[in-house]
Amino acid sequence: MFWNTGVTRTNTNKLILIIVIMLSAMILPSLEIRESLPRVRFDDAFIFGAFAINLLFWVTRRSHSGYGLGFVNQEVQRRAHRAVTIVFSLLFASMSISNLYAVFFLNGTFGLRDVMEFITLAKYYLVITLTLSLEVQEGEFSVLSKTFLLGFGVMLLLTWSQFLNVFNVNAWLTPFFAQSHLDNLVNANPPRVLGSFDNPNVMGIVSVLMMTVFVTWYYFKRNDRLVAVMLVVATALAIKMTFMTISRTGFIATAAVLVFLSVWAMLKFHFKKEVLLKIIILLLVTLAVVFTSPRGFTTRLGEATDPKTSTSIQGHFLRAGPAIKFIQQSPVLGWGTAKNNMTTLVDDEYLLITRRYGFIGLAMYLWLFFRPVKAAWRRISSFNSYNSQAGLRENKTLLAITFVAATVAVLVYNITAGIFYNLQLMTLFAIFMGLIYRIEEESD
C-alpha cells in the first residue's frame, strides 16, 4: 500500500499527518494564490504533497513498501483498502460514463473545471486510505481524541469571539477566514457566526457532528458523574454553536441526531431508568439552549414556516427547478459535470448529483456514505455497553455508533446544502470514514 512507504512509512508519521490534516480542516482557512485561480486548502497541500513523495519513493524503492508491518496488520489494511477502492471505482466510473454520454450524445461540454471534480474525488480517496492505514491502539486513539477536543476548543473560542465581536475580531480576523461572506453574514442583522468556515451553514453542521460525539459518549459509555456532567456541558456548547450560526438546516440536523440517539439508547438499554434520566436531563439542557438562543435564530426559524413569504424556501425552489427539468430529460446517466454551461447553484446535493450523473451516479454517491455505515454496523452489532470493560474495543464501538448518527446528520444536511463539494467539511468526514473502514476489518 502506498501509505506504507516514504514519509508515512511509520505509524507515528501517519498519525502526525492525519493530525495536521484534521486541524487544518477544522481551523485553517483556504489560501488565495491568485484571484483567477481556485483557493487552495492547506490540507490539500499536505495530502497531495505526502502522496507525491510516497509515490516517488515507491517507484524508486518499491521493495521497502510495507516495511515493519506484521502479516495480520497488512491483511487488515488490504481488506479495508479493497472495500474503499471498490466504492470509489464505482463512483468514478459513473461520473466518467455520464460525462462521456453527455459529450457524445447530448452535445455537452467537458473542461478544466470538470477535471477538478475527479481531483476532488482523488483527495477524498487519499484521505480515507491514509486514515485506514493507521494502526489505532490506545495511544493513537488518545492522541486523535485530544486533537478533536483541541479543534473543538479553538472553534468554540472563535465562534464566541465572532458572536460577541470581542476586541473587534470581526473586523480584523474573520475576513482572514471568510472575506466573501463577511458583510452579509457576520456583520448582518442578526449576525451569523462562521467559525473557521466560509459559510455559517457549514459551521452549523460541523458543530452538529461534534455534538454527535459527545451525545454518543454520554448515552452509551459508562461514565462517572463528573464525566457525564462534562459531556452534557460539551453537548450544550456544541448546540449553542449551531444556534449561533442561525442555520435552520443545522437545527433540523440537531433534532434528528438527538431523537435518533435517544431512541437508540432507549431500545438498546430496554428503557432502563438510568437511560431515561439521561434523556430527560439532555432534553432540559437542550430546551434551555433553545430558549436562550439569539433572537435572530427564532425569527429566522419562524420565517421558514411560511413558504409563501420565506425568501429562503422560494430560493431553494427556484434553484431546484432547472435541475429537475434536466433530470427529466436524462434521468439515468445525467448531463455530465458541465460546470461551464450549467449552474452549480443547486442547494439540494441529491438533485445536483442526479442532474450531473443520473440515478446511477446518485446510487454510487449514496453508497459512498452507506458503505461505511455498513462497516460501522458490523462493529456495533456485538456491542453491550454496561456488560463490557472500558478500553479500546469499547471506544472503537462508540466511534461506530457516532458515525451512524453523524451520517444521519449529513443526509439531512445534503437536502438543503451539500457535504461532497465542500473540501473542508468533507475532509473531516473522510477521516472519520477511514477510521470506520479500519475498525470494520479488525478482529479485536
Protein backbone atom coordinates (compact mmCIF):
# COMPACT_ATOMS: atom_id res chain seq x y z
CA MET A 1 0.00 0.00 0.00
CA PHE A 2 1.38 3.40 -0.98
CA TRP A 3 0.95 4.86 2.54
CA ASN A 4 3.34 2.25 3.98
CA THR A 5 6.36 3.83 2.37
CA GLY A 6 8.08 7.22 2.12
CA VAL A 7 7.17 9.90 4.65
CA THR A 8 4.31 7.81 6.08
CA ARG A 9 6.37 4.64 6.43
CA THR A 10 5.88 4.52 10.20
CA ASN A 11 2.65 4.58 12.17
CA THR A 12 3.82 7.68 14.05
CA ASN A 13 4.32 9.64 10.83
CA LYS A 14 0.87 8.61 9.62
CA LEU A 15 -0.63 9.83 12.88
CA ILE A 16 1.17 13.17 12.63
CA LEU A 17 -0.01 13.69 9.04
CA ILE A 18 -3.62 12.84 9.97
CA ILE A 19 -3.48 15.27 12.90
CA VAL A 20 -2.15 18.04 10.65
CA ILE A 21 -4.87 17.38 8.06
CA MET A 22 -7.57 17.27 10.73
CA LEU A 23 -6.55 20.52 12.39
CA SER A 24 -6.09 22.22 9.01
CA ALA A 25 -9.62 21.26 8.00
CA MET A 26 -11.04 22.36 11.35
CA ILE A 27 -9.40 25.71 11.97
CA LEU A 28 -7.43 26.97 8.95
CA PRO A 29 -8.83 28.97 6.02
CA SER A 30 -8.10 28.40 2.36
CA LEU A 31 -5.29 30.37 0.70
CA GLU A 32 -5.80 32.63 -2.30
CA ILE A 33 -2.79 32.48 -4.65
CA ARG A 34 -4.36 34.43 -7.50
CA GLU A 35 -7.84 35.89 -7.78
CA SER A 36 -8.47 33.98 -11.03
CA LEU A 37 -7.49 30.62 -9.52
CA PRO A 38 -9.42 28.44 -7.06
CA ARG A 39 -8.45 28.91 -3.44
CA VAL A 40 -6.03 26.31 -2.10
CA ARG A 41 -6.54 24.50 1.16
CA PHE A 42 -3.60 23.59 3.40
CA ASP A 43 -4.96 20.08 3.94
CA ASP A 44 -4.98 19.63 0.14
CA ALA A 45 -1.31 20.55 0.03
CA PHE A 46 -0.47 18.15 2.86
CA ILE A 47 -2.32 15.16 1.45
CA PHE A 48 -1.22 15.55 -2.19
CA GLY A 49 2.32 16.50 -1.15
CA ALA A 50 2.71 13.41 1.02
CA PHE A 51 1.22 11.22 -1.71
CA ALA A 52 3.63 12.63 -4.33
CA ILE A 53 6.65 11.96 -2.12
CA ASN A 54 5.43 8.47 -1.32
CA LEU A 55 4.78 7.72 -4.98
CA LEU A 56 8.31 8.79 -5.88
CA PHE A 57 9.74 6.69 -3.06
CA TRP A 58 7.59 3.71 -4.05
CA VAL A 59 8.78 3.89 -7.65
CA THR A 60 12.45 4.08 -6.71
CA ARG A 61 12.42 1.73 -3.67
CA ARG A 62 9.41 -0.49 -4.15
CA SER A 63 10.85 -3.35 -2.14
CA HIS A 64 10.60 -1.35 1.08
CA SER A 65 6.83 -0.85 0.87
CA GLY A 66 5.08 -2.18 3.96
CA TYR A 67 8.31 -2.37 5.95
CA GLY A 68 7.74 -3.17 9.61
CA LEU A 69 4.13 -4.26 9.26
CA GLY A 70 3.02 -7.64 10.53
CA PHE A 71 1.11 -10.04 8.33
CA VAL A 72 -2.17 -9.57 10.23
CA ASN A 73 -1.87 -5.78 10.05
CA GLN A 74 -1.16 -5.94 6.32
CA GLU A 75 -4.18 -8.18 5.74
CA VAL A 76 -6.47 -5.81 7.68
CA GLN A 77 -5.24 -2.87 5.62
CA ARG A 78 -5.59 -4.82 2.40
CA ARG A 79 -9.22 -5.73 3.02
CA ALA A 80 -10.17 -2.22 4.11
CA HIS A 81 -8.31 -0.71 1.17
CA ARG A 82 -10.10 -3.05 -1.23
CA ALA A 83 -13.51 -2.04 0.14
CA VAL A 84 -12.75 1.68 -0.27
CA THR A 85 -11.30 1.18 -3.76
CA ILE A 86 -14.46 -0.59 -4.93
CA VAL A 87 -16.66 2.27 -3.66
CA PHE A 88 -14.58 4.96 -5.33
CA SER A 89 -14.15 2.96 -8.53
CA LEU A 90 -17.92 2.69 -8.89
CA LEU A 91 -18.38 6.42 -8.28
CA PHE A 92 -15.52 7.28 -10.66
CA ALA A 93 -16.98 5.02 -13.35
CA SER A 94 -20.46 6.53 -13.05
CA MET A 95 -19.04 10.06 -13.30
CA SER A 96 -16.90 9.15 -16.31
CA ILE A 97 -19.73 7.43 -18.16
CA SER A 98 -22.06 10.38 -17.55
CA ASN A 99 -19.51 12.85 -18.94
CA LEU A 100 -18.81 10.69 -22.00
CA TYR A 101 -22.52 10.24 -22.63
CA ALA A 102 -23.15 13.98 -22.32
CA VAL A 103 -20.30 14.91 -24.70
CA PHE A 104 -21.13 12.37 -27.41
CA PHE A 105 -24.93 12.20 -27.21
CA LEU A 106 -26.16 15.41 -25.56
CA ASN A 107 -23.76 17.93 -27.12
CA GLY A 108 -22.37 18.58 -23.67
CA THR A 109 -19.03 20.09 -22.70
CA PHE A 110 -16.11 18.92 -20.60
CA GLY A 111 -13.48 21.41 -19.48
CA LEU A 112 -10.77 22.04 -16.93
CA ARG A 113 -13.29 22.86 -14.21
CA ASP A 114 -14.87 19.46 -14.74
CA VAL A 115 -11.48 17.75 -14.31
CA MET A 116 -11.33 19.25 -10.82
CA GLU A 117 -14.28 17.03 -9.91
CA PHE A 118 -12.08 13.97 -10.31
CA ILE A 119 -9.23 15.61 -8.39
CA THR A 120 -11.66 16.22 -5.54
CA LEU A 121 -12.65 12.56 -5.66
CA ALA A 122 -8.97 11.58 -5.58
CA LYS A 123 -8.39 13.72 -2.50
CA TYR A 124 -11.15 12.03 -0.53
CA TYR A 125 -9.84 8.62 -1.58
CA LEU A 126 -6.35 9.52 -0.38
CA VAL A 127 -7.61 10.87 2.96
CA ILE A 128 -9.68 7.74 3.64
CA THR A 129 -6.93 5.31 2.65
CA LEU A 130 -4.34 7.21 4.69
CA THR A 131 -6.56 7.04 7.78
CA LEU A 132 -7.39 3.35 7.39
CA SER A 133 -3.66 2.59 7.08
CA LEU A 134 -3.17 3.86 10.66
CA GLU A 135 -2.95 1.17 13.32
CA VAL A 136 -5.12 2.62 16.08
CA GLN A 137 -4.13 1.46 19.57
CA GLU A 138 -4.69 3.16 22.92
CA GLY A 139 -2.00 5.77 22.30
CA GLU A 140 -3.20 6.70 18.81
CA PHE A 141 -6.83 6.85 19.90
CA SER A 142 -5.93 9.11 22.80
CA VAL A 143 -3.98 11.48 20.55
CA LEU A 144 -6.80 11.64 18.00
CA SER A 145 -9.34 12.32 20.75
CA LYS A 146 -7.22 15.13 22.19
CA THR A 147 -6.75 16.60 18.70
CA PHE A 148 -10.51 16.59 18.22
CA LEU A 149 -11.02 18.35 21.56
CA LEU A 150 -8.33 20.89 20.70
CA GLY A 151 -10.06 21.68 17.42
CA PHE A 152 -13.39 21.93 19.23
CA GLY A 153 -11.88 24.34 21.75
CA VAL A 154 -10.41 26.60 19.06
CA MET A 155 -13.69 26.64 17.13
CA LEU A 156 -15.60 27.38 20.33
CA LEU A 157 -13.31 30.30 21.12
CA LEU A 158 -13.54 31.66 17.57
CA THR A 159 -17.33 31.42 17.30
CA TRP A 160 -17.94 33.11 20.64
CA SER A 161 -15.42 35.81 19.71
CA GLN A 162 -17.33 36.41 16.46
CA PHE A 163 -20.70 36.36 18.22
CA LEU A 164 -19.62 38.90 20.84
CA ASN A 165 -17.17 40.65 18.46
CA VAL A 166 -14.50 40.51 21.16
CA PHE A 167 -11.69 43.02 20.51
CA ASN A 168 -13.43 43.81 17.20
CA VAL A 169 -12.45 40.37 15.92
CA ASN A 170 -14.94 40.56 13.05
CA ALA A 171 -13.03 43.43 11.51
CA TRP A 172 -9.50 42.01 11.54
CA LEU A 173 -9.62 38.21 11.95
CA THR A 174 -12.86 36.95 10.45
CA PRO A 175 -12.07 38.28 6.94
CA PHE A 176 -8.96 36.11 7.05
CA PHE A 177 -11.29 33.11 7.21
CA ALA A 178 -14.23 34.23 5.11
CA GLN A 179 -13.82 37.55 3.33
CA SER A 180 -16.56 36.85 0.78
CA HIS A 181 -19.15 36.23 3.49
CA LEU A 182 -18.15 38.90 5.99
CA ASP A 183 -20.54 41.73 5.10
CA ASN A 184 -23.72 39.76 4.55
CA LEU A 185 -23.25 37.18 7.29
CA VAL A 186 -21.02 38.15 10.21
CA ASN A 187 -21.97 41.82 10.08
CA ALA A 188 -25.57 41.11 9.13
CA ASN A 189 -28.53 41.74 11.38
CA PRO A 190 -28.77 39.32 13.06
CA PRO A 191 -25.10 38.27 12.92
CA ARG A 192 -24.33 34.68 11.96
CA VAL A 193 -21.05 33.19 13.17
CA LEU A 194 -18.80 31.37 10.72
CA GLY A 195 -16.09 29.88 12.87
CA SER A 196 -13.25 28.96 10.52
CA PHE A 197 -15.56 28.13 7.61
CA ASP A 198 -16.74 30.11 4.61
CA ASN A 199 -20.43 29.72 5.35
CA PRO A 200 -22.47 29.61 8.60
CA ASN A 201 -24.44 26.58 7.39
CA VAL A 202 -21.19 24.60 7.09
CA MET A 203 -20.18 25.73 10.57
CA GLY A 204 -23.63 24.66 11.76
CA ILE A 205 -23.32 21.09 10.51
CA VAL A 206 -19.76 20.76 11.84
CA SER A 207 -20.99 21.69 15.31
CA VAL A 208 -23.78 19.11 14.92
CA LEU A 209 -21.20 16.44 14.08
CA MET A 210 -19.19 17.42 17.16
CA MET A 211 -22.32 17.27 19.29
CA THR A 212 -22.91 13.73 17.99
CA VAL A 213 -19.61 12.60 19.53
CA PHE A 214 -20.49 13.98 22.96
CA VAL A 215 -24.06 12.63 22.96
CA THR A 216 -22.90 9.14 21.95
CA TRP A 217 -20.33 9.03 24.74
CA TYR A 218 -22.93 10.37 27.16
CA TYR A 219 -25.56 7.75 26.34
CA PHE A 220 -23.59 4.62 25.53
CA LYS A 221 -20.50 4.73 27.71
CA ARG A 222 -20.44 4.03 31.42
CA ASN A 223 -19.23 7.35 32.84
CA ASP A 224 -18.75 8.59 36.35
CA ARG A 225 -20.80 11.61 37.42
CA LEU A 226 -18.11 14.19 36.64
CA VAL A 227 -17.50 12.90 33.12
CA ALA A 228 -21.26 12.76 32.48
CA VAL A 229 -21.60 16.41 33.54
CA MET A 230 -18.69 17.40 31.29
CA LEU A 231 -20.30 15.62 28.33
CA VAL A 232 -23.60 17.41 28.95
CA VAL A 233 -21.80 20.75 29.08
CA ALA A 234 -19.88 19.95 25.88
CA THR A 235 -23.15 18.96 24.19
CA ALA A 236 -24.78 22.22 25.26
CA LEU A 237 -21.84 24.25 23.96
CA ALA A 238 -21.95 22.41 20.61
CA ILE A 239 -25.71 23.01 20.28
CA LYS A 240 -25.16 26.66 21.20
CA MET A 241 -22.59 26.95 18.42
CA THR A 242 -25.13 25.57 15.95
CA PHE A 243 -27.73 28.08 17.05
CA MET A 244 -25.25 30.97 16.80
CA THR A 245 -24.87 30.15 13.11
CA ILE A 246 -28.66 30.60 12.82
CA SER A 247 -28.67 27.64 10.46
CA ARG A 248 -32.11 26.12 10.04
CA THR A 249 -30.56 23.06 8.43
CA GLY A 250 -28.28 22.74 11.44
CA PHE A 251 -31.28 22.96 13.76
CA ILE A 252 -33.11 20.18 11.88
CA ALA A 253 -29.95 18.03 11.86
CA THR A 254 -29.55 18.62 15.62
CA ALA A 255 -33.11 17.49 16.29
CA ALA A 256 -32.68 14.45 14.03
CA VAL A 257 -29.48 13.32 15.77
CA LEU A 258 -30.83 13.85 19.29
CA VAL A 259 -34.03 11.93 18.54
CA PHE A 260 -32.11 9.19 16.71
CA LEU A 261 -29.59 8.61 19.51
CA SER A 262 -32.20 8.95 22.29
CA VAL A 263 -34.47 6.32 20.71
CA TRP A 264 -31.47 4.08 20.04
CA ALA A 265 -30.34 4.36 23.68
CA MET A 266 -33.83 3.57 25.00
CA LEU A 267 -34.15 0.49 22.79
CA LYS A 268 -30.59 -0.66 23.44
CA PHE A 269 -30.92 -0.50 27.21
CA HIS A 270 -34.57 -1.56 27.34
CA PHE A 271 -35.91 1.69 28.84
CA LYS A 272 -33.78 1.50 31.97
CA LYS A 273 -34.28 4.30 34.47
CA GLU A 274 -30.68 5.47 34.13
CA VAL A 275 -31.06 5.97 30.38
CA LEU A 276 -34.46 7.68 30.71
CA LEU A 277 -32.95 10.05 33.28
CA LYS A 278 -30.09 10.85 30.90
CA ILE A 279 -32.57 11.61 28.12
CA ILE A 280 -34.63 13.89 30.38
CA ILE A 281 -31.52 15.78 31.50
CA LEU A 282 -30.33 16.25 27.93
CA LEU A 283 -33.82 17.36 26.87
CA LEU A 284 -33.94 20.01 29.59
CA VAL A 285 -30.46 21.24 28.69
CA THR A 286 -31.41 21.43 25.01
CA LEU A 287 -34.59 23.37 25.81
CA ALA A 288 -32.55 25.77 27.95
CA VAL A 289 -30.21 26.39 25.00
CA VAL A 290 -33.18 26.90 22.66
CA PHE A 291 -34.88 29.43 24.94
CA THR A 292 -31.63 31.38 25.39
CA SER A 293 -30.79 31.31 21.68
CA PRO A 294 -30.28 34.58 19.78
CA ARG A 295 -33.50 36.36 18.84
CA GLY A 296 -32.39 36.24 15.23
CA PHE A 297 -32.47 32.45 15.37
CA THR A 298 -36.11 32.24 16.42
CA THR A 299 -37.03 34.95 13.91
CA ARG A 300 -35.29 33.17 11.05
CA LEU A 301 -36.73 29.82 12.11
CA GLY A 302 -40.23 31.28 12.16
CA GLU A 303 -39.70 32.88 8.76
CA ALA A 304 -39.15 29.44 7.25
CA THR A 305 -42.53 28.12 8.41
CA ASP A 306 -44.43 30.02 5.73
CA PRO A 307 -43.38 29.03 2.20
CA LYS A 308 -45.33 31.95 0.71
CA THR A 309 -43.21 34.57 2.47
CA SER A 310 -39.94 32.70 3.02
CA THR A 311 -37.35 34.01 0.58
CA SER A 312 -35.09 31.10 1.50
CA ILE A 313 -37.63 28.42 0.60
CA GLN A 314 -38.54 30.26 -2.59
CA GLY A 315 -34.85 30.45 -3.49
CA HIS A 316 -34.48 26.70 -2.96
CA PHE A 317 -37.37 26.03 -5.33
CA LEU A 318 -36.02 28.44 -7.95
CA ARG A 319 -32.62 26.76 -7.95
CA ALA A 320 -34.07 23.26 -7.92
CA GLY A 321 -36.48 23.85 -10.82
CA PRO A 322 -33.95 23.83 -13.71
CA ALA A 323 -32.14 20.80 -12.24
CA ILE A 324 -35.39 18.82 -12.11
CA LYS A 325 -36.15 19.65 -15.76
CA PHE A 326 -32.73 18.41 -16.85
CA ILE A 327 -33.14 15.25 -14.77
CA GLN A 328 -36.41 14.51 -16.52
CA GLN A 329 -34.66 14.74 -19.89
CA SER A 330 -31.76 12.43 -18.95
CA PRO A 331 -32.60 10.60 -15.71
CA VAL A 332 -30.33 7.54 -15.96
CA LEU A 333 -26.92 8.99 -16.87
CA GLY A 334 -27.45 12.71 -16.35
CA TRP A 335 -25.72 15.52 -18.23
CA GLY A 336 -22.16 15.17 -17.01
CA THR A 337 -20.41 17.64 -14.74
CA ALA A 338 -20.85 20.51 -17.24
CA LYS A 339 -19.69 23.31 -14.95
CA ASN A 340 -19.05 25.68 -17.84
CA ASN A 341 -22.62 25.80 -19.13
CA MET A 342 -24.80 24.64 -16.23
CA THR A 343 -25.27 26.24 -12.84
CA THR A 344 -23.79 24.66 -9.76
CA LEU A 345 -26.18 26.62 -7.52
CA VAL A 346 -28.46 23.73 -6.60
CA ASP A 347 -28.93 23.68 -2.85
CA ASP A 348 -30.00 20.02 -2.73
CA GLU A 349 -26.89 17.90 -3.31
CA TYR A 350 -29.00 14.89 -4.26
CA LEU A 351 -30.55 16.91 -7.09
CA LEU A 352 -27.18 18.24 -8.20
CA ILE A 353 -25.62 14.77 -8.30
CA THR A 354 -28.62 13.36 -10.17
CA ARG A 355 -28.57 16.20 -12.70
CA ARG A 356 -24.89 15.56 -13.33
CA TYR A 357 -24.61 11.78 -13.13
CA GLY A 358 -28.16 10.47 -13.24
CA PHE A 359 -29.79 7.98 -10.92
CA ILE A 360 -26.87 5.60 -11.39
CA GLY A 361 -24.48 8.27 -10.18
CA LEU A 362 -26.79 9.11 -7.29
CA ALA A 363 -26.80 5.46 -6.22
CA MET A 364 -22.98 5.39 -6.25
CA TYR A 365 -22.89 8.70 -4.37
CA LEU A 366 -25.18 7.33 -1.66
CA TRP A 367 -23.11 4.14 -1.46
CA LEU A 368 -20.12 6.36 -0.61
CA PHE A 369 -21.89 7.10 2.70
CA PHE A 370 -23.83 3.89 3.27
CA ARG A 371 -20.88 1.53 2.78
CA PRO A 372 -19.03 2.81 5.88
CA VAL A 373 -22.37 2.76 7.74
CA LYS A 374 -22.47 -0.95 6.93
CA ALA A 375 -18.92 -1.23 8.27
CA ALA A 376 -19.90 0.60 11.46
CA TRP A 377 -22.90 -1.65 11.96
CA ARG A 378 -20.69 -4.73 11.89
CA ARG A 379 -18.81 -3.32 14.87
CA ILE A 380 -21.97 -2.24 16.70
CA SER A 381 -23.88 -5.50 16.34
CA SER A 382 -21.98 -7.24 19.17
CA PHE A 383 -21.79 -4.22 21.46
CA ASN A 384 -23.07 -4.37 25.04
CA SER A 385 -22.12 -1.21 26.89
CA TYR A 386 -22.91 -1.99 30.51
CA ASN A 387 -21.52 -5.53 30.31
CA SER A 388 -18.23 -4.51 28.68
CA GLN A 389 -14.94 -3.33 30.06
CA ALA A 390 -13.81 0.19 29.25
CA GLY A 391 -10.98 0.22 26.76
CA LEU A 392 -10.00 0.47 23.12
CA ARG A 393 -12.56 -2.06 21.90
CA GLU A 394 -15.41 -0.16 23.55
CA ASN A 395 -14.12 3.17 22.25
CA LYS A 396 -14.00 1.87 18.69
CA THR A 397 -17.55 0.62 19.01
CA LEU A 398 -18.67 4.00 20.33
CA LEU A 399 -16.91 5.57 17.36
CA ALA A 400 -19.01 3.35 15.07
CA ILE A 401 -22.23 4.45 16.80
CA THR A 402 -21.16 8.06 16.42
CA PHE A 403 -20.55 7.57 12.72
CA VAL A 404 -24.02 6.14 12.11
CA ALA A 405 -25.62 9.12 13.88
CA ALA A 406 -23.29 11.57 12.10
CA THR A 407 -24.35 10.09 8.76
CA VAL A 408 -27.97 10.83 9.67
CA ALA A 409 -26.96 14.48 10.18
CA VAL A 410 -25.10 14.56 6.86
CA LEU A 411 -28.02 13.04 4.96
CA VAL A 412 -30.30 15.73 6.40
CA TYR A 413 -27.77 18.45 5.61
CA ASN A 414 -27.50 17.39 1.97
CA ILE A 415 -31.18 18.17 1.39
CA THR A 416 -30.57 21.93 1.54
CA ALA A 417 -26.78 22.10 1.15
CA GLY A 418 -24.09 19.52 0.47
CA ILE A 419 -21.01 17.92 2.01
CA PHE A 420 -19.32 16.44 -1.07
CA TYR A 421 -18.46 19.77 -2.67
CA ASN A 422 -17.15 21.41 0.47
CA LEU A 423 -13.48 20.39 0.67
CA GLN A 424 -13.09 21.50 4.26
CA LEU A 425 -16.15 19.68 5.58
CA MET A 426 -15.83 16.50 3.55
CA THR A 427 -12.15 16.13 4.50
CA LEU A 428 -13.15 15.87 8.16
CA PHE A 429 -15.82 13.32 7.35
CA ALA A 430 -13.38 11.37 5.15
CA ILE A 431 -11.03 10.96 8.13
CA PHE A 432 -13.99 9.61 10.08
CA MET A 433 -14.79 7.22 7.21
CA GLY A 434 -11.21 5.94 7.16
CA LEU A 435 -11.32 5.08 10.85
CA ILE A 436 -14.58 3.19 10.37
CA TYR A 437 -13.23 1.17 7.44
CA ARG A 438 -10.22 0.25 9.54
CA ILE A 439 -12.08 -0.92 12.63
CA GLU A 440 -14.50 -2.95 10.49
CA GLU A 441 -11.71 -5.29 9.46
CA GLU A 442 -10.10 -5.61 12.91
CA SER A 443 -10.83 -8.67 14.99
CA ASP A 444 -10.18 -7.23 18.46
